[in-house]
Amino acid sequence: MVKYSGIKEQEENRYIVKWNLRIIQLALLLILFVPVVKSQHQDKVKLVKADNKNRIDIFVGNKLFTQFLYPDTLEKPVLYPIFTADGTQITRSFPMHNRPGDPTDHPHHLGLWLNYENVNGLDFWNNSYAIPAEKKHSYGWIKTDRIEKMSDGTPGLLVYHANWCNQRGDVLLEETTRFEFSGKAGRRMIDRITELKADKDVFFADAKDGMLGLRLAHELQIPSREDQKFSDDKGNVTLVKAGMDKIANGNYMTSEGRQGDAAWGTRGVWCKVYGKMGSDSVSVAIIDHPQNPDYPTFWHARGYGLFAANPLGKKVFTQGKDSLNLRLKKGDSVRFRYRIVVDENNKTIPADELNRLASDFARSPER
């Protein structure tokens, strides 16, 4: 009996030791896990409508992330300016403000927007204050007529309704856009879901300029040593002067590995631009969605600072070998979904992280 009790006591002691070791292991895991949880914490987003102005300010925590601007003085609604978590502006200031050294080409490139170059022959993309009055009849206008929903939270939500019109005010398309804004330490994110419903038969002829556009800050341009000329479908030529300074230091990279100017006109699930701004590396990525037309999109990514996803330009980007020519009958609709990631850190956001974000976006519930 004594011998048996001794064995039993030894077994109990071993059990106690094992249990204590397990507790220590769990404690260590918790210690290691707490910083991860903290880094994944989503900050609350707050939306504030400016008094007597067609402007909504979007804050992540207590920091301004961006503003939604929709006055009739603009040819389209935009998000402008857009900031990183640390307050670095990733959008060009012109034409709203004059920052020393900012390029002043393409005045229709403002903040983040969505429109298209050829909708029933109307050019929504290139319209701006710079178009002479006698030529305005060839251009379309997107007019926001109501804010349908605003809510704070994680994420913050903004839904608006707008009409794609000709200069007489006749409506071609009704737009309903849902923005979801989110953020955490070092990162900001925008999910944009836009539905376009045809008020009449609508034809999106394949064109170069579309669809989701972002005009980047000077630092994120690719350095250029030569002047460049770019023409729209009406033959208007814009000269982009070569940089005579050392500000531009950006680069593009797509999910397929295309870099720099070679990213233009190629397909990819995502594309990012990255460069040094101040002492940090800033990355801005646009992620396509599998339910978008002609997925994965073509990248209309220019070294001078235009960063755009254009799923409707197949004829241009395949040099005429193929075409899409999207048509909507009256009452039909089409959706465009994009995720925009703005990251500021000591290094650029890696490809495997963008692949994960793209996979998460692809699996996100319908909204």
Protein backbone atom coordinates (compact mmCIF):
# COMPACT_ATOMS: atom_id res chain seq x y z
CA MET A 1 0.00 0.00 0.00
CA VAL A 2 2.81 2.37 0.90
CA LYS A 3 4.56 1.64 -2.37
CA TYR A 4 1.37 2.21 -4.34
CA SER A 5 0.73 5.54 -2.55
CA GLY A 6 4.25 6.69 -3.43
CA ILE A 7 3.73 5.93 -7.10
CA LYS A 8 0.40 7.71 -7.05
CA GLU A 9 1.96 10.75 -5.38
CA GLN A 10 4.73 10.85 -8.00
CA GLU A 11 2.15 10.74 -10.80
CA GLU A 12 0.21 13.57 -9.17
CA ASN A 13 3.39 15.63 -8.87
CA ARG A 14 4.22 15.04 -12.54
CA TYR A 15 0.68 16.10 -13.44
CA ILE A 16 1.05 19.29 -11.38
CA VAL A 17 4.39 20.06 -13.04
CA LYS A 18 2.92 19.50 -16.52
CA TRP A 19 -0.07 21.68 -15.66
CA ASN A 20 2.19 24.47 -14.39
CA LEU A 21 4.26 24.25 -17.56
CA ARG A 22 1.08 24.48 -19.63
CA ILE A 23 0.02 27.60 -17.70
CA ILE A 24 3.45 29.15 -18.25
CA GLN A 25 3.24 28.37 -21.98
CA LEU A 26 -0.22 29.91 -22.22
CA ALA A 27 0.99 32.99 -20.36
CA LEU A 28 3.91 33.37 -22.77
CA LEU A 29 1.57 33.01 -25.74
CA LEU A 30 -0.69 35.69 -24.31
CA ILE A 31 2.28 38.02 -23.82
CA LEU A 32 3.33 37.46 -27.42
CA PHE A 33 -0.23 37.75 -28.72
CA VAL A 34 -1.15 41.04 -27.05
CA PRO A 35 1.01 43.23 -29.36
CA VAL A 36 -0.49 41.44 -32.39
CA VAL A 37 -4.01 42.13 -31.17
CA LYS A 38 -3.09 45.74 -30.52
CA SER A 39 -1.59 46.14 -34.00
CA GLN A 40 -4.75 44.71 -35.55
CA HIS A 41 -7.04 47.07 -33.61
CA GLN A 42 -9.33 49.02 -35.91
CA ASP A 43 -9.76 52.67 -35.02
CA LYS A 44 -13.23 54.16 -35.01
CA VAL A 45 -14.13 56.20 -38.08
CA LYS A 46 -16.15 59.40 -37.72
CA LEU A 47 -17.91 61.29 -40.52
CA VAL A 48 -18.72 64.99 -40.11
CA LYS A 49 -20.76 67.02 -42.59
CA ALA A 50 -19.49 70.57 -43.01
CA ASP A 51 -22.11 73.28 -42.40
CA ASN A 52 -23.51 74.84 -45.58
CA LYS A 53 -20.94 73.04 -47.72
CA ASN A 54 -21.10 69.99 -49.94
CA ARG A 55 -18.29 68.36 -48.00
CA ILE A 56 -18.01 65.48 -45.56
CA ASP A 57 -14.87 65.06 -43.45
CA ILE A 58 -13.77 61.51 -42.65
CA PHE A 59 -11.67 60.99 -39.52
CA VAL A 60 -9.92 57.82 -38.39
CA GLY A 61 -9.51 58.20 -34.65
CA ASN A 62 -8.92 61.93 -34.29
CA LYS A 63 -6.96 62.30 -37.55
CA LEU A 64 -8.38 63.52 -40.85
CA PHE A 65 -8.21 60.74 -43.46
CA THR A 66 -9.98 62.38 -46.39
CA GLN A 67 -12.86 64.62 -47.46
CA PHE A 68 -15.77 63.77 -49.76
CA LEU A 69 -16.35 66.79 -52.02
CA TYR A 70 -19.49 67.07 -54.14
CA PRO A 71 -20.24 70.71 -55.06
CA ASP A 72 -21.72 71.48 -58.49
CA THR A 73 -18.58 73.52 -59.21
CA LEU A 74 -16.74 70.22 -59.63
CA GLU A 75 -17.45 68.02 -62.64
CA LYS A 76 -17.57 64.90 -60.46
CA PRO A 77 -17.59 63.93 -56.77
CA VAL A 78 -14.13 63.16 -55.36
CA LEU A 79 -12.24 62.13 -52.27
CA TYR A 80 -9.67 64.88 -51.75
CA PRO A 81 -7.19 65.20 -50.13
CA ILE A 82 -6.20 61.73 -48.88
CA PHE A 83 -3.74 61.27 -46.02
CA THR A 84 -1.75 58.42 -44.53
CA ALA A 85 -2.15 57.47 -40.87
CA ASP A 86 0.73 59.83 -40.02
CA GLY A 87 -0.76 62.74 -41.97
CA THR A 88 1.25 62.53 -45.21
CA GLN A 89 -0.81 63.69 -48.22
CA ILE A 90 -0.70 61.10 -51.02
CA THR A 91 -2.82 63.10 -53.52
CA ARG A 92 -1.58 65.95 -55.69
CA SER A 93 -2.70 69.36 -54.40
CA PHE A 94 -3.40 70.96 -57.82
CA PRO A 95 -5.92 72.16 -58.97
CA MET A 96 -7.54 72.82 -55.57
CA HIS A 97 -4.36 74.24 -54.06
CA ASN A 98 -1.01 75.36 -55.40
CA ARG A 99 1.82 73.49 -53.72
CA PRO A 100 5.28 74.64 -54.82
CA GLY A 101 6.69 72.21 -57.38
CA ASP A 102 3.37 70.47 -58.04
CA PRO A 103 2.77 69.54 -61.70
CA THR A 104 -0.15 71.45 -63.22
CA ASP A 105 -1.02 69.15 -66.13
CA HIS A 106 -4.42 67.41 -66.48
CA PRO A 107 -6.60 69.68 -64.31
CA HIS A 108 -9.34 67.02 -64.34
CA HIS A 109 -7.11 64.78 -62.19
CA LEU A 110 -8.31 65.54 -58.67
CA GLY A 111 -8.05 63.21 -55.68
CA LEU A 112 -9.82 59.86 -56.12
CA TRP A 113 -12.73 59.59 -58.55
CA LEU A 114 -14.67 57.22 -60.82
CA ASN A 115 -15.90 58.09 -64.32
CA TYR A 116 -15.25 57.27 -67.97
CA GLU A 117 -14.09 58.80 -71.23
CA ASN A 118 -16.82 57.64 -73.62
CA VAL A 119 -20.43 57.09 -72.47
CA ASN A 120 -22.82 57.48 -75.41
CA GLY A 121 -20.14 59.69 -76.94
CA LEU A 122 -19.85 61.97 -73.89
CA ASP A 123 -16.49 62.40 -72.19
CA PHE A 124 -16.91 62.35 -68.40
CA TRP A 125 -13.22 61.75 -67.67
CA ASN A 126 -11.59 64.82 -69.21
CA ASN A 127 -14.17 67.42 -68.18
CA SER A 128 -12.82 70.29 -66.05
CA TYR A 129 -12.89 74.07 -65.67
CA ALA A 130 -10.28 74.18 -68.45
CA ILE A 131 -12.73 73.08 -71.18
CA PRO A 132 -13.97 76.11 -73.18
CA ALA A 133 -17.71 76.80 -72.98
CA GLU A 134 -18.17 76.19 -76.72
CA LYS A 135 -16.83 72.64 -76.30
CA LYS A 136 -18.66 71.70 -73.13
CA HIS A 137 -21.47 69.95 -75.04
CA SER A 138 -19.07 67.04 -75.71
CA TYR A 139 -18.50 66.43 -72.00
CA GLY A 140 -20.49 64.77 -69.25
CA TRP A 141 -21.10 65.87 -65.68
CA ILE A 142 -21.68 63.80 -62.52
CA LYS A 143 -23.95 65.62 -60.07
CA THR A 144 -24.50 64.33 -56.56
CA ASP A 145 -28.09 64.96 -55.52
CA ARG A 146 -28.27 63.30 -52.11
CA ILE A 147 -26.40 61.60 -49.30
CA GLU A 148 -28.29 58.40 -48.54
CA LYS A 149 -26.42 57.21 -45.46
CA MET A 150 -23.68 58.27 -43.08
CA SER A 151 -22.59 56.25 -40.05
CA ASP A 152 -19.61 56.17 -37.72
CA GLY A 153 -17.94 52.93 -36.70
CA THR A 154 -15.47 50.29 -37.78
CA PRO A 155 -15.80 50.75 -40.66
CA GLY A 156 -17.33 54.17 -41.23
CA LEU A 157 -19.98 54.23 -43.96
CA LEU A 158 -20.96 56.78 -46.59
CA VAL A 159 -23.54 56.17 -49.33
CA TYR A 160 -24.43 58.78 -51.95
CA HIS A 161 -26.56 59.03 -55.11
CA ALA A 162 -25.53 60.94 -58.23
CA ASN A 163 -26.63 61.39 -61.85
CA TRP A 164 -24.41 61.13 -64.91
CA CYS A 165 -25.78 63.91 -67.13
CA ASN A 166 -25.16 65.75 -70.36
CA GLN A 167 -24.86 69.54 -70.32
CA ARG A 168 -28.66 69.91 -70.62
CA GLY A 169 -29.16 67.85 -67.47
CA ASP A 170 -30.50 64.74 -69.21
CA VAL A 171 -29.63 61.67 -67.11
CA LEU A 172 -27.77 58.75 -68.73
CA LEU A 173 -26.86 56.82 -65.58
CA GLU A 174 -27.84 56.85 -61.94
CA GLU A 175 -24.93 56.19 -59.61
CA THR A 176 -25.14 54.77 -56.11
CA THR A 177 -21.77 54.57 -54.38
CA ARG A 178 -20.97 53.01 -51.01
CA PHE A 179 -17.72 53.93 -49.27
CA GLU A 180 -16.40 51.92 -46.34
CA PHE A 181 -13.54 53.66 -44.53
CA SER A 182 -11.30 51.87 -42.04
CA GLY A 183 -7.93 52.33 -40.40
CA LYS A 184 -5.41 51.14 -37.87
CA ALA A 185 -1.83 51.93 -36.95
CA GLY A 186 0.11 52.74 -40.13
CA ARG A 187 -2.71 51.90 -42.54
CA ARG A 188 -5.88 53.36 -44.03
CA MET A 189 -8.33 51.59 -46.33
CA ILE A 190 -11.25 52.50 -48.59
CA ASP A 191 -13.66 49.99 -50.10
CA ARG A 192 -15.64 51.58 -52.93
CA ILE A 193 -18.70 49.84 -54.39
CA THR A 194 -20.36 51.76 -57.24
CA GLU A 195 -23.52 50.70 -59.04
CA LEU A 196 -24.42 52.40 -62.33
CA LYS A 197 -28.03 52.00 -63.50
CA ALA A 198 -28.98 53.00 -67.03
CA ASP A 199 -31.80 55.54 -67.42
CA LYS A 200 -31.64 54.89 -71.17
CA ASP A 201 -29.65 52.54 -73.38
CA VAL A 202 -25.99 53.24 -72.63
CA PHE A 203 -22.85 52.32 -74.55
CA PHE A 204 -19.38 52.43 -72.96
CA ALA A 205 -17.11 52.44 -76.01
CA ASP A 206 -13.65 51.01 -75.27
CA ALA A 207 -11.42 53.93 -74.32
CA LYS A 208 -8.13 54.63 -72.62
CA ASP A 209 -9.30 56.97 -69.86
CA GLY A 210 -11.24 55.26 -67.06
CA MET A 211 -12.44 54.10 -64.62
CA LEU A 212 -11.23 54.48 -61.05
CA GLY A 213 -8.65 57.27 -61.00
CA LEU A 214 -6.21 58.63 -58.44
CA ARG A 215 -3.78 61.51 -58.99
CA LEU A 216 -0.70 60.99 -56.86
CA ALA A 217 1.50 63.37 -54.94
CA HIS A 218 4.65 64.53 -56.70
CA GLU A 219 6.88 62.24 -54.62
CA LEU A 220 5.10 59.13 -55.92
CA GLN A 221 5.68 59.95 -59.58
CA ILE A 222 8.27 57.96 -61.51
CA PRO A 223 11.29 60.18 -62.28
CA SER A 224 11.27 61.26 -65.93
CA ARG A 225 14.07 62.85 -67.96
CA GLU A 226 12.03 63.58 -71.07
CA ASP A 227 8.95 65.68 -71.82
CA GLN A 228 5.89 63.58 -72.64
CA LYS A 229 2.77 64.31 -74.71
CA PHE A 230 -0.60 62.65 -74.11
CA SER A 231 -3.71 62.95 -76.30
CA ASP A 232 -7.35 62.30 -75.51
CA ASP A 233 -9.88 60.89 -78.00
CA LYS A 234 -10.68 64.38 -79.31
CA GLY A 235 -7.08 65.15 -80.16
CA ASN A 236 -6.42 67.47 -77.24
CA VAL A 237 -2.73 67.22 -76.37
CA THR A 238 -1.32 67.65 -72.87
CA LEU A 239 2.39 68.20 -72.38
CA VAL A 240 3.92 66.77 -69.21
CA LYS A 241 7.27 68.38 -68.54
CA ALA A 242 10.16 66.25 -67.37
CA GLY A 243 11.00 66.70 -63.72
CA MET A 244 13.89 69.08 -63.12
CA ASP A 245 13.94 68.32 -59.41
CA LYS A 246 14.71 65.36 -57.21
CA ILE A 247 11.25 65.04 -55.61
CA ALA A 248 9.83 62.20 -57.72
CA ASN A 249 11.00 58.76 -56.56
CA GLY A 250 7.99 56.49 -57.08
CA ASN A 251 7.57 53.13 -58.76
CA TYR A 252 4.71 50.82 -59.77
CA MET A 253 4.46 47.09 -59.22
CA THR A 254 1.58 44.81 -60.24
CA SER A 255 0.47 41.43 -58.93
CA GLU A 256 2.01 39.94 -62.09
CA GLY A 257 5.41 41.46 -61.39
CA ARG A 258 5.33 44.32 -63.91
CA GLN A 259 7.21 47.36 -62.65
CA GLY A 260 7.58 51.03 -63.46
CA ASP A 261 6.21 52.26 -66.79
CA ALA A 262 5.89 48.60 -67.91
CA ALA A 263 2.82 48.30 -65.64
CA TRP A 264 0.78 50.47 -68.02
CA GLY A 265 -1.77 48.60 -70.11
CA THR A 266 -1.20 45.24 -68.40
CA ARG A 267 -3.62 43.20 -66.32
CA GLY A 268 -3.35 42.43 -62.64
CA VAL A 269 -5.39 41.70 -59.54
CA TRP A 270 -3.67 44.61 -57.82
CA CYS A 271 -1.19 47.35 -58.51
CA LYS A 272 0.74 49.43 -56.01
CA VAL A 273 2.76 52.59 -56.23
CA TYR A 274 5.40 53.22 -53.62
CA GLY A 275 8.09 55.74 -52.77
CA LYS A 276 9.79 57.71 -50.06
CA MET A 277 7.82 60.55 -48.52
CA GLY A 278 9.67 62.22 -45.68
CA SER A 279 11.43 59.55 -43.65
CA ASP A 280 8.88 56.80 -44.39
CA SER A 281 8.00 54.48 -47.25
CA VAL A 282 4.48 55.15 -48.53
CA SER A 283 2.54 52.54 -50.50
CA VAL A 284 -0.80 53.06 -52.24
CA ALA A 285 -2.47 49.99 -53.71
CA ILE A 286 -5.65 49.50 -55.72
CA ILE A 287 -7.19 46.02 -55.59
CA ASP A 288 -9.60 44.73 -58.23
CA HIS A 289 -12.61 42.49 -57.47
CA PRO A 290 -13.44 39.22 -59.28
CA GLN A 291 -17.02 40.37 -59.93
CA ASN A 292 -15.92 43.48 -61.83
CA PRO A 293 -16.28 43.49 -65.63
CA ASP A 294 -13.37 41.90 -67.52
CA TYR A 295 -11.45 40.94 -64.36
CA PRO A 296 -8.54 41.31 -63.76
CA THR A 297 -8.45 44.94 -64.77
CA PHE A 298 -6.03 46.77 -67.04
CA TRP A 299 -3.81 49.30 -65.25
CA HIS A 300 -3.81 52.80 -66.69
CA ALA A 301 -0.81 53.67 -64.51
CA ARG A 302 1.27 56.55 -65.80
CA GLY A 303 4.65 57.56 -64.47
CA TYR A 304 3.62 61.23 -64.21
CA GLY A 305 1.20 60.39 -61.37
CA LEU A 306 -2.07 59.09 -62.84
CA PHE A 307 -2.93 55.79 -61.14
CA ALA A 308 -6.08 54.23 -62.62
CA ALA A 309 -7.85 50.90 -63.01
CA ASN A 310 -9.68 50.64 -66.34
CA PRO A 311 -11.59 47.39 -67.01
CA LEU A 312 -13.36 48.90 -70.06
CA GLY A 313 -10.37 49.75 -72.25
CA LYS A 314 -9.63 46.35 -73.77
CA LYS A 315 -9.45 47.55 -77.39
CA VAL A 316 -6.83 50.17 -76.46
CA PHE A 317 -4.73 47.97 -74.19
CA THR A 318 -4.72 45.00 -76.61
CA GLN A 319 -3.80 47.23 -79.56
CA GLY A 320 -7.11 46.44 -81.25
CA LYS A 321 -6.84 42.65 -80.98
CA ASP A 322 -9.93 42.41 -78.78
CA SER A 323 -12.71 44.65 -77.46
CA LEU A 324 -15.36 44.79 -74.75
CA ASN A 325 -17.76 47.67 -75.59
CA LEU A 326 -20.00 47.35 -72.55
CA ARG A 327 -23.69 47.98 -73.25
CA LEU A 328 -26.52 48.51 -70.77
CA LYS A 329 -30.17 48.44 -71.72
CA LYS A 330 -32.48 50.88 -69.97
CA GLY A 331 -32.94 49.62 -66.40
CA ASP A 332 -29.82 47.42 -66.46
CA SER A 333 -26.98 48.06 -64.05
CA VAL A 334 -23.31 47.25 -63.56
CA ARG A 335 -21.15 47.29 -60.45
CA PHE A 336 -17.54 48.28 -59.89
CA ARG A 337 -15.82 47.29 -56.64
CA TYR A 338 -12.36 48.45 -55.57
CA ARG A 339 -10.23 48.41 -52.45
CA ILE A 340 -7.70 51.20 -51.92
CA VAL A 341 -4.95 50.63 -49.34
CA VAL A 342 -2.77 53.48 -48.06
CA ASP A 343 0.19 52.28 -46.01
CA GLU A 344 3.01 54.18 -44.32
CA ASN A 345 5.86 52.26 -42.72
CA ASN A 346 9.61 51.77 -42.80
CA LYS A 347 9.19 49.56 -45.88
CA THR A 348 6.69 49.10 -48.69
CA ILE A 349 3.72 46.80 -48.21
CA PRO A 350 4.79 43.33 -49.46
CA ALA A 351 3.16 41.32 -52.22
CA ASP A 352 2.01 38.51 -49.92
CA GLU A 353 0.15 41.03 -47.76
CA LEU A 354 -1.55 42.52 -50.84
CA ASN A 355 -2.48 39.01 -51.99
CA ARG A 356 -4.09 38.40 -48.59
CA LEU A 357 -6.00 41.70 -48.73
CA ALA A 358 -7.13 40.88 -52.27
CA SER A 359 -8.31 37.44 -51.16
CA ASP A 360 -10.21 38.96 -48.23
CA PHE A 361 -11.81 41.52 -50.53
CA ALA A 362 -12.84 38.83 -53.02
CA ARG A 363 -14.55 36.87 -50.21
CA SER A 364 -16.24 39.90 -48.65
CA PRO A 365 -20.05 39.67 -48.49
CA GLU A 366 -22.19 41.34 -51.13
CA ARG A 367 -23.11 44.89 -50.22
